[in-house]
Amino acid sequence: GWYRQAPGQQRELVATIISSERINYVDSVKGRFIISRDNAKN
């Protein structure tokens, strides 16, 4: 997952990925952020 923490706020999970077919985004970043992974390179 990618998380973010703004000043004075709690850490927020914004995107998760298991595989290219199993990805989720928080509503505030849907359509703007893209998460990906390369398991061969960690």
PDB file of all heavy atoms in Angstrom:
ATOM      1  N   GLY A   1       0.806  -1.208   0.000  1.00  0.00           N
ATOM      2  CA  GLY A   1       0.000   0.000   0.000  1.00  0.00           C
ATOM      3  C   GLY A   1       0.842   1.262   0.000  1.00  0.00           C
ATOM      4  O   GLY A   1       1.991   1.253   0.455  1.00  0.00           O
ATOM      5  N   TRP A   2       0.263   2.321  -0.525  1.00  0.00           N
ATOM      6  CA  TRP A   2       0.808   3.670  -0.368  1.00  0.00           C
ATOM      7  C   TRP A   2      -0.081   4.402   0.628  1.00  0.00           C
ATOM      8  O   TRP A   2      -1.314   4.377   0.526  1.00  0.00           O
ATOM      9  CB  TRP A   2       0.843   4.425  -1.688  1.00  0.00           C
ATOM     10  CG  TRP A   2       2.022   4.086  -2.540  1.00  0.00           C
ATOM     11  CD1 TRP A   2       2.054   3.208  -3.585  1.00  0.00           C
ATOM     12  CD2 TRP A   2       3.343   4.602  -2.423  1.00  0.00           C
ATOM     13  NE1 TRP A   2       3.312   3.152  -4.119  1.00  0.00           N
ATOM     14  CE2 TRP A   2       4.130   4.003  -3.420  1.00  0.00           C
ATOM     15  CE3 TRP A   2       3.954   5.523  -1.566  1.00  0.00           C
ATOM     16  CZ2 TRP A   2       5.482   4.286  -3.594  1.00  0.00           C
ATOM     17  CZ3 TRP A   2       5.295   5.813  -1.740  1.00  0.00           C
ATOM     18  CH2 TRP A   2       6.055   5.202  -2.744  1.00  0.00           C
ATOM     19  N   TYR A   3       0.558   5.034   1.591  1.00  0.00           N
ATOM     20  CA  TYR A   3      -0.103   5.779   2.629  1.00  0.00           C
ATOM     21  C   TYR A   3       0.379   7.233   2.551  1.00  0.00           C
ATOM     22  O   TYR A   3       1.435   7.511   1.992  1.00  0.00           O
ATOM     23  CB  TYR A   3       0.263   5.231   4.021  1.00  0.00           C
ATOM     24  CG  TYR A   3      -0.035   3.777   4.240  1.00  0.00           C
ATOM     25  CD1 TYR A   3       0.748   2.777   3.672  1.00  0.00           C
ATOM     26  CD2 TYR A   3      -1.092   3.382   5.066  1.00  0.00           C
ATOM     27  CE1 TYR A   3       0.484   1.427   3.901  1.00  0.00           C
ATOM     28  CE2 TYR A   3      -1.361   2.042   5.302  1.00  0.00           C
ATOM     29  CZ  TYR A   3      -0.561   1.073   4.716  1.00  0.00           C
ATOM     30  OH  TYR A   3      -0.830  -0.252   4.942  1.00  0.00           O
ATOM     31  N   ARG A   4      -0.388   8.124   3.156  1.00  0.00           N
ATOM     32  CA  ARG A   4       0.078   9.505   3.244  1.00  0.00           C
ATOM     33  C   ARG A   4      -0.374  10.110   4.568  1.00  0.00           C
ATOM     34  O   ARG A   4      -1.382   9.702   5.139  1.00  0.00           O
ATOM     35  CB  ARG A   4      -0.434  10.348   2.074  1.00  0.00           C
ATOM     36  CG  ARG A   4      -1.940  10.568   2.042  1.00  0.00           C
ATOM     37  CD  ARG A   4      -2.327  11.312   0.759  1.00  0.00           C
ATOM     38  NE  ARG A   4      -3.773  11.529   0.674  1.00  0.00           N
ATOM     39  CZ  ARG A   4      -4.383  12.027  -0.394  1.00  0.00           C
ATOM     40  NH1 ARG A   4      -3.665  12.362  -1.483  1.00  0.00           N
ATOM     41  NH2 ARG A   4      -5.691  12.196  -0.396  1.00  0.00           N
ATOM     42  N   GLN A   5       0.417  11.085   5.012  1.00  0.00           N
ATOM     43  CA  GLN A   5       0.093  11.781   6.259  1.00  0.00           C
ATOM     44  C   GLN A   5       0.321  13.270   6.065  1.00  0.00           C
ATOM     45  O   GLN A   5       1.459  13.702   5.832  1.00  0.00           O
ATOM     46  CB  GLN A   5       0.937  11.257   7.421  1.00  0.00           C
ATOM     47  CG  GLN A   5       0.516  11.812   8.768  1.00  0.00           C
ATOM     48  CD  GLN A   5       1.159  11.069   9.916  1.00  0.00           C
ATOM     49  OE1 GLN A   5       2.176  10.410   9.770  1.00  0.00           O
ATOM     50  NE2 GLN A   5       0.543  11.158  11.090  1.00  0.00           N
ATOM     51  N   ALA A   6      -0.755  14.015   6.133  1.00  0.00           N
ATOM     52  CA  ALA A   6      -0.681  15.467   6.053  1.00  0.00           C
ATOM     53  C   ALA A   6      -0.460  16.034   7.452  1.00  0.00           C
ATOM     54  O   ALA A   6      -0.785  15.378   8.454  1.00  0.00           O
ATOM     55  CB  ALA A   6      -1.961  16.021   5.449  1.00  0.00           C
ATOM     56  N   PRO A   7       0.092  17.244   7.557  1.00  0.00           N
ATOM     57  CA  PRO A   7       0.345  17.839   8.879  1.00  0.00           C
ATOM     58  C   PRO A   7      -0.911  17.883   9.728  1.00  0.00           C
ATOM     59  O   PRO A   7      -1.970  18.323   9.277  1.00  0.00           O
ATOM     60  CB  PRO A   7       0.830  19.249   8.525  1.00  0.00           C
ATOM     61  CG  PRO A   7       1.406  19.117   7.167  1.00  0.00           C
ATOM     62  CD  PRO A   7       0.550  18.101   6.466  1.00  0.00           C
ATOM     63  N   GLY A   8      -0.789  17.389  10.958  1.00  0.00           N
ATOM     64  CA  GLY A   8      -1.903  17.432  11.886  1.00  0.00           C
ATOM     65  C   GLY A   8      -2.984  16.401  11.641  1.00  0.00           C
ATOM     66  O   GLY A   8      -4.017  16.406  12.320  1.00  0.00           O
ATOM     67  N   GLN A   9      -2.745  15.496  10.690  1.00  0.00           N
ATOM     68  CA  GLN A   9      -3.749  14.492  10.370  1.00  0.00           C
ATOM     69  C   GLN A   9      -3.193  13.086  10.559  1.00  0.00           C
ATOM     70  O   GLN A   9      -1.985  12.876  10.607  1.00  0.00           O
ATOM     71  CB  GLN A   9      -4.231  14.669   8.930  1.00  0.00           C
ATOM     72  CG  GLN A   9      -4.912  16.005   8.667  1.00  0.00           C
ATOM     73  CD  GLN A   9      -5.538  16.068   7.291  1.00  0.00           C
ATOM     74  OE1 GLN A   9      -5.796  15.054   6.651  1.00  0.00           O
ATOM     75  NE2 GLN A   9      -5.808  17.274   6.837  1.00  0.00           N
ATOM     76  N   GLN A  10      -4.096  12.118  10.659  1.00  0.00           N
ATOM     77  CA  GLN A  10      -3.678  10.732  10.789  1.00  0.00           C
ATOM     78  C   GLN A  10      -3.205  10.197   9.436  1.00  0.00           C
ATOM     79  O   GLN A  10      -3.578  10.698   8.376  1.00  0.00           O
ATOM     80  CB  GLN A  10      -4.837   9.876  11.308  1.00  0.00           C
ATOM     81  CG  GLN A  10      -5.205  10.153  12.761  1.00  0.00           C
ATOM     82  CD  GLN A  10      -6.200   9.148  13.308  1.00  0.00           C
ATOM     83  OE1 GLN A  10      -6.975   8.559  12.563  1.00  0.00           O
ATOM     84  NE2 GLN A  10      -6.166   8.935  14.605  1.00  0.00           N
ATOM     85  N   ARG A  11      -2.371   9.179   9.499  1.00  0.00           N
ATOM     86  CA  ARG A  11      -1.910   8.545   8.281  1.00  0.00           C
ATOM     87  C   ARG A  11      -3.088   7.874   7.588  1.00  0.00           C
ATOM     88  O   ARG A  11      -3.925   7.239   8.219  1.00  0.00           O
ATOM     89  CB  ARG A  11      -0.831   7.527   8.608  1.00  0.00           C
ATOM     90  CG  ARG A  11      -0.064   6.993   7.420  1.00  0.00           C
ATOM     91  CD  ARG A  11       1.146   6.204   7.897  1.00  0.00           C
ATOM     92  NE  ARG A  11       2.167   7.084   8.431  1.00  0.00           N
ATOM     93  CZ  ARG A  11       3.153   6.667   9.225  1.00  0.00           C
ATOM     94  NH1 ARG A  11       3.222   5.402   9.583  1.00  0.00           N
ATOM     95  NH2 ARG A  11       4.051   7.520   9.656  1.00  0.00           N
ATOM     96  N   GLU A  12      -3.136   8.010   6.266  1.00  0.00           N
ATOM     97  CA  GLU A  12      -4.266   7.539   5.460  1.00  0.00           C
ATOM     98  C   GLU A  12      -3.759   6.573   4.402  1.00  0.00           C
ATOM     99  O   GLU A  12      -2.750   6.829   3.732  1.00  0.00           O
ATOM    100  CB  GLU A  12      -4.930   8.749   4.787  1.00  0.00           C
ATOM    101  CG  GLU A  12      -5.985   8.419   3.779  1.00  0.00           C
ATOM    102  CD  GLU A  12      -6.437   9.627   2.973  1.00  0.00           C
ATOM    103  OE1 GLU A  12      -5.612  10.529   2.718  1.00  0.00           O
ATOM    104  OE2 GLU A  12      -7.620   9.661   2.577  1.00  0.00           O
ATOM    105  N   LEU A  13      -4.468   5.463   4.234  1.00  0.00           N
ATOM    106  CA  LEU A  13      -4.146   4.515   3.176  1.00  0.00           C
ATOM    107  C   LEU A  13      -4.806   4.999   1.886  1.00  0.00           C
ATOM    108  O   LEU A  13      -6.027   5.156   1.848  1.00  0.00           O
ATOM    109  CB  LEU A  13      -4.648   3.123   3.543  1.00  0.00           C
ATOM    110  CG  LEU A  13      -4.461   2.009   2.520  1.00  0.00           C
ATOM    111  CD1 LEU A  13      -2.993   1.770   2.230  1.00  0.00           C
ATOM    112  CD2 LEU A  13      -5.121   0.717   3.025  1.00  0.00           C
ATOM    113  N   VAL A  14      -4.027   5.211   0.832  1.00  0.00           N
ATOM    114  CA  VAL A  14      -4.607   5.768  -0.398  1.00  0.00           C
ATOM    115  C   VAL A  14      -4.718   4.747  -1.524  1.00  0.00           C
ATOM    116  O   VAL A  14      -5.564   4.927  -2.402  1.00  0.00           O
ATOM    117  CB  VAL A  14      -3.826   6.994  -0.899  1.00  0.00           C
ATOM    118  CG1 VAL A  14      -3.876   8.115   0.130  1.00  0.00           C
ATOM    119  CG2 VAL A  14      -2.393   6.661  -1.234  1.00  0.00           C
ATOM    120  N   ALA A  15      -3.888   3.718  -1.531  1.00  0.00           N
ATOM    121  CA  ALA A  15      -3.955   2.737  -2.615  1.00  0.00           C
ATOM    122  C   ALA A  15      -3.323   1.435  -2.160  1.00  0.00           C
ATOM    123  O   ALA A  15      -2.362   1.446  -1.389  1.00  0.00           O
ATOM    124  CB  ALA A  15      -3.238   3.242  -3.858  1.00  0.00           C
ATOM    125  N   THR A  16      -3.880   0.338  -2.627  1.00  0.00           N
ATOM    126  CA  THR A  16      -3.315  -0.977  -2.334  1.00  0.00           C
ATOM    127  C   THR A  16      -3.242  -1.799  -3.612  1.00  0.00           C
ATOM    128  O   THR A  16      -4.030  -1.606  -4.538  1.00  0.00           O
ATOM    129  CB  THR A  16      -4.146  -1.757  -1.298  1.00  0.00           C
ATOM    130  OG1 THR A  16      -5.466  -1.958  -1.816  1.00  0.00           O
ATOM    131  CG2 THR A  16      -4.207  -1.033   0.033  1.00  0.00           C
ATOM    132  N   ILE A  17      -2.290  -2.744  -3.621  1.00  0.00           N
ATOM    133  CA  ILE A  17      -2.144  -3.623  -4.776  1.00  0.00           C
ATOM    134  C   ILE A  17      -1.689  -5.002  -4.307  1.00  0.00           C
ATOM    135  O   ILE A  17      -0.764  -5.129  -3.501  1.00  0.00           O
ATOM    136  CB  ILE A  17      -1.150  -3.036  -5.811  1.00  0.00           C
ATOM    137  CG1 ILE A  17      -1.039  -3.953  -7.023  1.00  0.00           C
ATOM    138  CG2 ILE A  17       0.214  -2.779  -5.183  1.00  0.00           C
ATOM    139  CD1 ILE A  17      -0.287  -3.318  -8.190  1.00  0.00           C
ATOM    140  N   ILE A  18      -2.375  -6.012  -4.790  1.00  0.00           N
ATOM    141  CA  ILE A  18      -1.895  -7.381  -4.666  1.00  0.00           C
ATOM    142  C   ILE A  18      -1.333  -7.805  -6.020  1.00  0.00           C
ATOM    143  O   ILE A  18      -0.224  -8.318  -6.118  1.00  0.00           O
ATOM    144  CB  ILE A  18      -3.015  -8.328  -4.219  1.00  0.00           C
ATOM    145  CG1 ILE A  18      -3.537  -7.927  -2.832  1.00  0.00           C
ATOM    146  CG2 ILE A  18      -2.526  -9.776  -4.227  1.00  0.00           C
ATOM    147  CD1 ILE A  18      -4.711  -8.751  -2.361  1.00  0.00           C
ATOM    148  N   SER A  19      -2.114  -7.588  -7.060  1.00  0.00           N
ATOM    149  CA  SER A  19      -1.703  -7.856  -8.429  1.00  0.00           C
ATOM    150  C   SER A  19      -2.346  -6.796  -9.309  1.00  0.00           C
ATOM    151  O   SER A  19      -3.131  -5.967  -8.828  1.00  0.00           O
ATOM    152  CB  SER A  19      -2.152  -9.244  -8.858  1.00  0.00           C
ATOM    153  OG  SER A  19      -3.567  -9.289  -8.926  1.00  0.00           O
ATOM    154  N   SER A  20      -2.069  -6.831 -10.592  1.00  0.00           N
ATOM    155  CA  SER A  20      -2.653  -5.824 -11.491  1.00  0.00           C
ATOM    156  C   SER A  20      -4.173  -5.942 -11.559  1.00  0.00           C
ATOM    157  O   SER A  20      -4.860  -5.003 -11.960  1.00  0.00           O
ATOM    158  CB  SER A  20      -2.046  -5.959 -12.888  1.00  0.00           C
ATOM    159  OG  SER A  20      -2.258  -7.262 -13.387  1.00  0.00           O
ATOM    160  N   GLU A  21      -4.690  -7.098 -11.149  1.00  0.00           N
ATOM    161  CA  GLU A  21      -6.144  -7.291 -11.167  1.00  0.00           C
ATOM    162  C   GLU A  21      -6.795  -6.990  -9.828  1.00  0.00           C
ATOM    163  O   GLU A  21      -8.030  -6.984  -9.724  1.00  0.00           O
ATOM    164  CB  GLU A  21      -6.483  -8.737 -11.562  1.00  0.00           C
ATOM    165  CG  GLU A  21      -6.115  -9.121 -12.984  1.00  0.00           C
ATOM    166  CD  GLU A  21      -4.657  -9.475 -13.124  1.00  0.00           C
ATOM    167  OE1 GLU A  21      -4.031  -9.843 -12.100  1.00  0.00           O
ATOM    168  OE2 GLU A  21      -4.107  -9.378 -14.243  1.00  0.00           O
ATOM    169  N   ARG A  22      -5.998  -6.755  -8.844  1.00  0.00           N
ATOM    170  CA  ARG A  22      -6.531  -6.531  -7.488  1.00  0.00           C
ATOM    171  C   ARG A  22      -5.913  -5.268  -6.928  1.00  0.00           C
ATOM    172  O   ARG A  22      -4.892  -5.311  -6.231  1.00  0.00           O
ATOM    173  CB  ARG A  22      -6.267  -7.749  -6.604  1.00  0.00           C
ATOM    174  CG  ARG A  22      -6.963  -9.009  -7.096  1.00  0.00           C
ATOM    175  CD  ARG A  22      -6.624 -10.213  -6.258  1.00  0.00           C
ATOM    176  NE  ARG A  22      -7.176 -10.107  -4.913  1.00  0.00           N
ATOM    177  CZ  ARG A  22      -6.961 -11.011  -3.945  1.00  0.00           C
ATOM    178  NH1 ARG A  22      -6.227 -12.085  -4.206  1.00  0.00           N
ATOM    179  NH2 ARG A  22      -7.488 -10.850  -2.764  1.00  0.00           N
ATOM    180  N   ILE A  23      -6.537  -4.156  -7.257  1.00  0.00           N
ATOM    181  CA  ILE A  23      -6.079  -2.828  -6.875  1.00  0.00           C
ATOM    182  C   ILE A  23      -7.257  -2.062  -6.297  1.00  0.00           C
ATOM    183  O   ILE A  23      -8.387  -2.183  -6.778  1.00  0.00           O
ATOM    184  CB  ILE A  23      -5.505  -2.071  -8.097  1.00  0.00           C
ATOM    185  CG1 ILE A  23      -4.187  -2.697  -8.550  1.00  0.00           C
ATOM    186  CG2 ILE A  23      -5.344  -0.590  -7.804  1.00  0.00           C
ATOM    187  CD1 ILE A  23      -3.628  -2.111  -9.825  1.00  0.00           C
ATOM    188  N   ASN A  24      -6.978  -1.270  -5.256  1.00  0.00           N
ATOM    189  CA  ASN A  24      -8.009  -0.428  -4.676  1.00  0.00           C
ATOM    190  C   ASN A  24      -7.455   0.962  -4.396  1.00  0.00           C
ATOM    191  O   ASN A  24      -6.268   1.111  -4.086  1.00  0.00           O
ATOM    192  CB  ASN A  24      -8.546  -1.037  -3.374  1.00  0.00           C
ATOM    193  CG  ASN A  24      -9.437  -2.233  -3.633  1.00  0.00           C
ATOM    194  OD1 ASN A  24     -10.572  -2.089  -4.080  1.00  0.00           O
ATOM    195  ND2 ASN A  24      -8.927  -3.420  -3.389  1.00  0.00           N
ATOM    196  N   TYR A  25      -8.325   1.953  -4.475  1.00  0.00           N
ATOM    197  CA  TYR A  25      -7.957   3.348  -4.211  1.00  0.00           C
ATOM    198  C   TYR A  25      -8.983   3.972  -3.280  1.00  0.00           C
ATOM    199  O   TYR A  25     -10.169   3.647  -3.325  1.00  0.00           O
ATOM    200  CB  TYR A  25      -7.931   4.165  -5.502  1.00  0.00           C
ATOM    201  CG  TYR A  25      -6.965   3.691  -6.547  1.00  0.00           C
ATOM    202  CD1 TYR A  25      -7.384   2.890  -7.608  1.00  0.00           C
ATOM    203  CD2 TYR A  25      -5.618   4.045  -6.484  1.00  0.00           C
ATOM    204  CE1 TYR A  25      -6.493   2.451  -8.570  1.00  0.00           C
ATOM    205  CE2 TYR A  25      -4.727   3.616  -7.452  1.00  0.00           C
ATOM    206  CZ  TYR A  25      -5.173   2.817  -8.491  1.00  0.00           C
ATOM    207  OH  TYR A  25      -4.279   2.386  -9.438  1.00  0.00           O
ATOM    208  N   VAL A  26      -8.513   4.899  -2.476  1.00  0.00           N
ATOM    209  CA  VAL A  26      -9.448   5.720  -1.712  1.00  0.00           C
ATOM    210  C   VAL A  26     -10.153   6.647  -2.714  1.00  0.00           C
ATOM    211  O   VAL A  26      -9.587   7.008  -3.754  1.00  0.00           O
ATOM    212  CB  VAL A  26      -8.692   6.519  -0.629  1.00  0.00           C
ATOM    213  CG1 VAL A  26      -7.791   7.572  -1.229  1.00  0.00           C
ATOM    214  CG2 VAL A  26      -9.647   7.109   0.385  1.00  0.00           C
ATOM    215  N   ASP A  27     -11.389   6.995  -2.421  1.00  0.00           N
ATOM    216  CA  ASP A  27     -12.186   7.758  -3.387  1.00  0.00           C
ATOM    217  C   ASP A  27     -11.507   9.055  -3.826  1.00  0.00           C
ATOM    218  O   ASP A  27     -11.628   9.458  -4.986  1.00  0.00           O
ATOM    219  CB  ASP A  27     -13.562   8.084  -2.792  1.00  0.00           C
ATOM    220  CG  ASP A  27     -14.476   6.871  -2.755  1.00  0.00           C
ATOM    221  OD1 ASP A  27     -14.157   5.843  -3.397  1.00  0.00           O
ATOM    222  OD2 ASP A  27     -15.528   6.945  -2.083  1.00  0.00           O
ATOM    223  N   SER A  28     -10.790   9.704  -2.938  1.00  0.00           N
ATOM    224  CA  SER A  28     -10.217  11.019  -3.247  1.00  0.00           C
ATOM    225  C   SER A  28      -9.132  10.974  -4.317  1.00  0.00           C
ATOM    226  O   SER A  28      -8.783  12.017  -4.880  1.00  0.00           O
ATOM    227  CB  SER A  28      -9.673  11.659  -1.976  1.00  0.00           C
ATOM    228  OG  SER A  28      -8.676  10.839  -1.392  1.00  0.00           O
ATOM    229  N   VAL A  29      -8.583   9.784  -4.617  1.00  0.00           N
ATOM    230  CA  VAL A  29      -7.515   9.699  -5.619  1.00  0.00           C
ATOM    231  C   VAL A  29      -7.913   8.868  -6.838  1.00  0.00           C
ATOM    232  O   VAL A  29      -7.135   8.766  -7.792  1.00  0.00           O
ATOM    233  CB  VAL A  29      -6.201   9.147  -5.016  1.00  0.00           C
ATOM    234  CG1 VAL A  29      -5.814   9.929  -3.774  1.00  0.00           C
ATOM    235  CG2 VAL A  29      -6.296   7.660  -4.715  1.00  0.00           C
ATOM    236  N   LYS A  30      -9.101   8.287  -6.817  1.00  0.00           N
ATOM    237  CA  LYS A  30      -9.543   7.464  -7.953  1.00  0.00           C
ATOM    238  C   LYS A  30      -9.555   8.280  -9.237  1.00  0.00           C
ATOM    239  O   LYS A  30     -10.008   9.420  -9.258  1.00  0.00           O
ATOM    240  CB  LYS A  30     -10.940   6.913  -7.679  1.00  0.00           C
ATOM    241  CG  LYS A  30     -10.968   5.725  -6.744  1.00  0.00           C
ATOM    242  CD  LYS A  30     -12.386   5.215  -6.549  1.00  0.00           C
ATOM    243  CE  LYS A  30     -12.420   4.029  -5.599  1.00  0.00           C
ATOM    244  NZ  LYS A  30     -13.797   3.554  -5.339  1.00  0.00           N
ATOM    245  N   GLY A  31      -9.024   7.677 -10.299  1.00  0.00           N
ATOM    246  CA  GLY A  31      -8.964   8.354 -11.587  1.00  0.00           C
ATOM    247  C   GLY A  31      -7.761   9.264 -11.750  1.00  0.00           C
ATOM    248  O   GLY A  31      -7.520   9.783 -12.846  1.00  0.00           O
ATOM    249  N   ARG A  32      -7.011   9.495 -10.664  1.00  0.00           N
ATOM    250  CA  ARG A  32      -5.832  10.373 -10.735  1.00  0.00           C
ATOM    251  C   ARG A  32      -4.538   9.635 -10.411  1.00  0.00           C
ATOM    252  O   ARG A  32      -3.493   9.944 -10.982  1.00  0.00           O
ATOM    253  CB  ARG A  32      -5.998  11.544  -9.762  1.00  0.00           C
ATOM    254  CG  ARG A  32      -7.208  12.408 -10.024  1.00  0.00           C
ATOM    255  CD  ARG A  32      -7.200  13.661  -9.158  1.00  0.00           C
ATOM    256  NE  ARG A  32      -7.253  13.382  -7.738  1.00  0.00           N
ATOM    257  CZ  ARG A  32      -6.315  13.767  -6.859  1.00  0.00           C
ATOM    258  NH1 ARG A  32      -5.265  14.452  -7.282  1.00  0.00           N
ATOM    259  NH2 ARG A  32      -6.446  13.483  -5.577  1.00  0.00           N
ATOM    260  N   PHE A  33      -4.581   8.695  -9.485  1.00  0.00           N
ATOM    261  CA  PHE A  33      -3.391   7.957  -9.055  1.00  0.00           C
ATOM    262  C   PHE A  33      -3.420   6.537  -9.628  1.00  0.00           C
ATOM    263  O   PHE A  33      -4.481   5.938  -9.775  1.00  0.00           O
ATOM    264  CB  PHE A  33      -3.336   7.861  -7.538  1.00  0.00           C
ATOM    265  CG  PHE A  33      -3.029   9.151  -6.817  1.00  0.00           C
ATOM    266  CD1 PHE A  33      -3.050  10.387  -7.467  1.00  0.00           C
ATOM    267  CD2 PHE A  33      -2.730   9.134  -5.459  1.00  0.00           C
ATOM    268  CE1 PHE A  33      -2.772  11.560  -6.795  1.00  0.00           C
ATOM    269  CE2 PHE A  33      -2.453  10.298  -4.766  1.00  0.00           C
ATOM    270  CZ  PHE A  33      -2.479  11.507  -5.437  1.00  0.00           C
ATOM    271  N   ILE A  34      -2.229   6.015  -9.908  1.00  0.00           N
ATOM    272  CA  ILE A  34      -2.104   4.642 -10.397  1.00  0.00           C
ATOM    273  C   ILE A  34      -1.007   3.949  -9.608  1.00  0.00           C
ATOM    274  O   ILE A  34       0.148   4.394  -9.611  1.00  0.00           O
ATOM    275  CB  ILE A  34      -1.761   4.611 -11.900  1.00  0.00           C
ATOM    276  CG1 ILE A  34      -2.841   5.320 -12.716  1.00  0.00           C
ATOM    277  CG2 ILE A  34      -1.606   3.158 -12.363  1.00  0.00           C
ATOM    278  CD1 ILE A  34      -2.460   5.520 -14.170  1.00  0.00           C
ATOM    279  N   ILE A  35      -1.365   2.863  -8.928  1.00  0.00           N
ATOM    280  CA  ILE A  35      -0.385   2.071  -8.191  1.00  0.00           C
ATOM    281  C   ILE A  35       0.042   0.883  -9.044  1.00  0.00           C
ATOM    282  O   ILE A  35      -0.764   0.314  -9.788  1.00  0.00           O
ATOM    283  CB  ILE A  35      -0.964   1.602  -6.830  1.00  0.00           C
ATOM    284  CG1 ILE A  35       0.121   0.951  -5.962  1.00  0.00           C
ATOM    285  CG2 ILE A  35      -2.143   0.654  -7.034  1.00  0.00           C
ATOM    286  CD1 ILE A  35      -0.337   0.659  -4.536  1.00  0.00           C
ATOM    287  N   SER A  36       1.309   0.533  -8.955  1.00  0.00           N
ATOM    288  CA  SER A  36       1.822  -0.624  -9.684  1.00  0.00           C
ATOM    289  C   SER A  36       2.968  -1.233  -8.897  1.00  0.00           C
ATOM    290  O   SER A  36       3.473  -0.622  -7.955  1.00  0.00           O
ATOM    291  CB  SER A  36       2.277  -0.224 -11.094  1.00  0.00           C
ATOM    292  OG  SER A  36       3.327   0.727 -11.037  1.00  0.00           O
ATOM    293  N   ARG A  37       3.364  -2.429  -9.296  1.00  0.00           N
ATOM    294  CA  ARG A  37       4.469  -3.096  -8.619  1.00  0.00           C
ATOM    295  C   ARG A  37       5.276  -3.907  -9.615  1.00  0.00           C
ATOM    296  O   ARG A  37       4.766  -4.360 -10.636  1.00  0.00           O
ATOM    297  CB  ARG A  37       3.952  -3.975  -7.483  1.00  0.00           C
ATOM    298  CG  ARG A  37       3.158  -5.182  -7.915  1.00  0.00           C
ATOM    299  CD  ARG A  37       2.470  -5.865  -6.720  1.00  0.00           C
ATOM    300  NE  ARG A  37       3.422  -6.393  -5.752  1.00  0.00           N
ATOM    301  CZ  ARG A  37       3.098  -6.794  -4.523  1.00  0.00           C
ATOM    302  NH1 ARG A  37       1.835  -6.705  -4.119  1.00  0.00           N
ATOM    303  NH2 ARG A  37       4.010  -7.271  -3.715  1.00  0.00           N
ATOM    304  N   ASP A  38       6.540  -4.110  -9.268  1.00  0.00           N
ATOM    305  CA  ASP A  38       7.438  -4.978 -10.035  1.00  0.00           C
ATOM    306  C   ASP A  38       8.043  -5.954  -9.045  1.00  0.00           C
ATOM    307  O   ASP A  38       8.986  -5.613  -8.316  1.00  0.00           O
ATOM    308  CB  ASP A  38       8.510  -4.126 -10.722  1.00  0.00           C
ATOM    309  CG  ASP A  38       9.417  -4.936 -11.634  1.00  0.00           C
ATOM    310  OD1 ASP A  38       9.526  -6.167 -11.426  1.00  0.00           O
ATOM    311  OD2 ASP A  38      10.026  -4.363 -12.533  1.00  0.00           O
ATOM    312  N   ASN A  39       7.490  -7.151  -8.989  1.00  0.00           N
ATOM    313  CA  ASN A  39       7.943  -8.126  -7.990  1.00  0.00           C
ATOM    314  C   ASN A  39       9.377  -8.581  -8.239  1.00  0.00           C
ATOM    315  O   ASN A  39      10.086  -8.928  -7.295  1.00  0.00           O
ATOM    316  CB  ASN A  39       7.004  -9.328  -7.970  1.00  0.00           C
ATOM    317  CG  ASN A  39       5.651  -9.000  -7.368  1.00  0.00           C
ATOM    318  OD1 ASN A  39       5.510  -8.052  -6.595  1.00  0.00           O
ATOM    319  ND2 ASN A  39       4.642  -9.777  -7.742  1.00  0.00           N
ATOM    320  N   ALA A  40       9.819  -8.572  -9.480  1.00  0.00           N
ATOM    321  CA  ALA A  40      11.192  -8.989  -9.785  1.00  0.00           C
ATOM    322  C   ALA A  40      12.207  -8.015  -9.193  1.00  0.00           C
ATOM    323  O   ALA A  40      13.349  -8.394  -8.900  1.00  0.00           O
ATOM    324  CB  ALA A  40      11.379  -9.091 -11.285  1.00  0.00           C
ATOM    325  N   LYS A  41      11.789  -6.759  -9.012  1.00  0.00           N
ATOM    326  CA  LYS A  41      12.698  -5.736  -8.481  1.00  0.00           C
ATOM    327  C   LYS A  41      12.345  -5.335  -7.048  1.00  0.00           C
ATOM    328  O   LYS A  41      12.985  -4.436  -6.492  1.00  0.00           O
ATOM    329  CB  LYS A  41      12.662  -4.492  -9.376  1.00  0.00           C
ATOM    330  CG  LYS A  41      13.157  -4.728 -10.788  1.00  0.00           C
ATOM    331  CD  LYS A  41      13.098  -3.443 -11.605  1.00  0.00           C
ATOM    332  CE  LYS A  41      13.617  -3.668 -13.022  1.00  0.00           C
ATOM    333  NZ  LYS A  41      13.541  -2.434 -13.849  1.00  0.00           N
ATOM    334  N   ASN A  42      11.328  -5.963  -6.470  1.00  0.00           N
ATOM    335  CA  ASN A  42      10.863  -5.567  -5.126  1.00  0.00           C
ATOM    336  C   ASN A  42      10.522  -4.065  -5.080  1.00  0.00           C
ATOM    337  O   ASN A  42      10.922  -3.359  -4.148  1.00  0.00           O
ATOM    338  CB  ASN A  42      11.898  -5.895  -4.050  1.00  0.00           C
ATOM    339  CG  ASN A  42      11.783  -7.322  -3.550  1.00  0.00           C
ATOM    340  OD1 ASN A  42      11.329  -8.203  -4.280  1.00  0.00           O
ATOM    341  ND2 ASN A  42      12.203  -7.566  -2.325  1.00  0.00           N
TER     342      ASN A  42
END
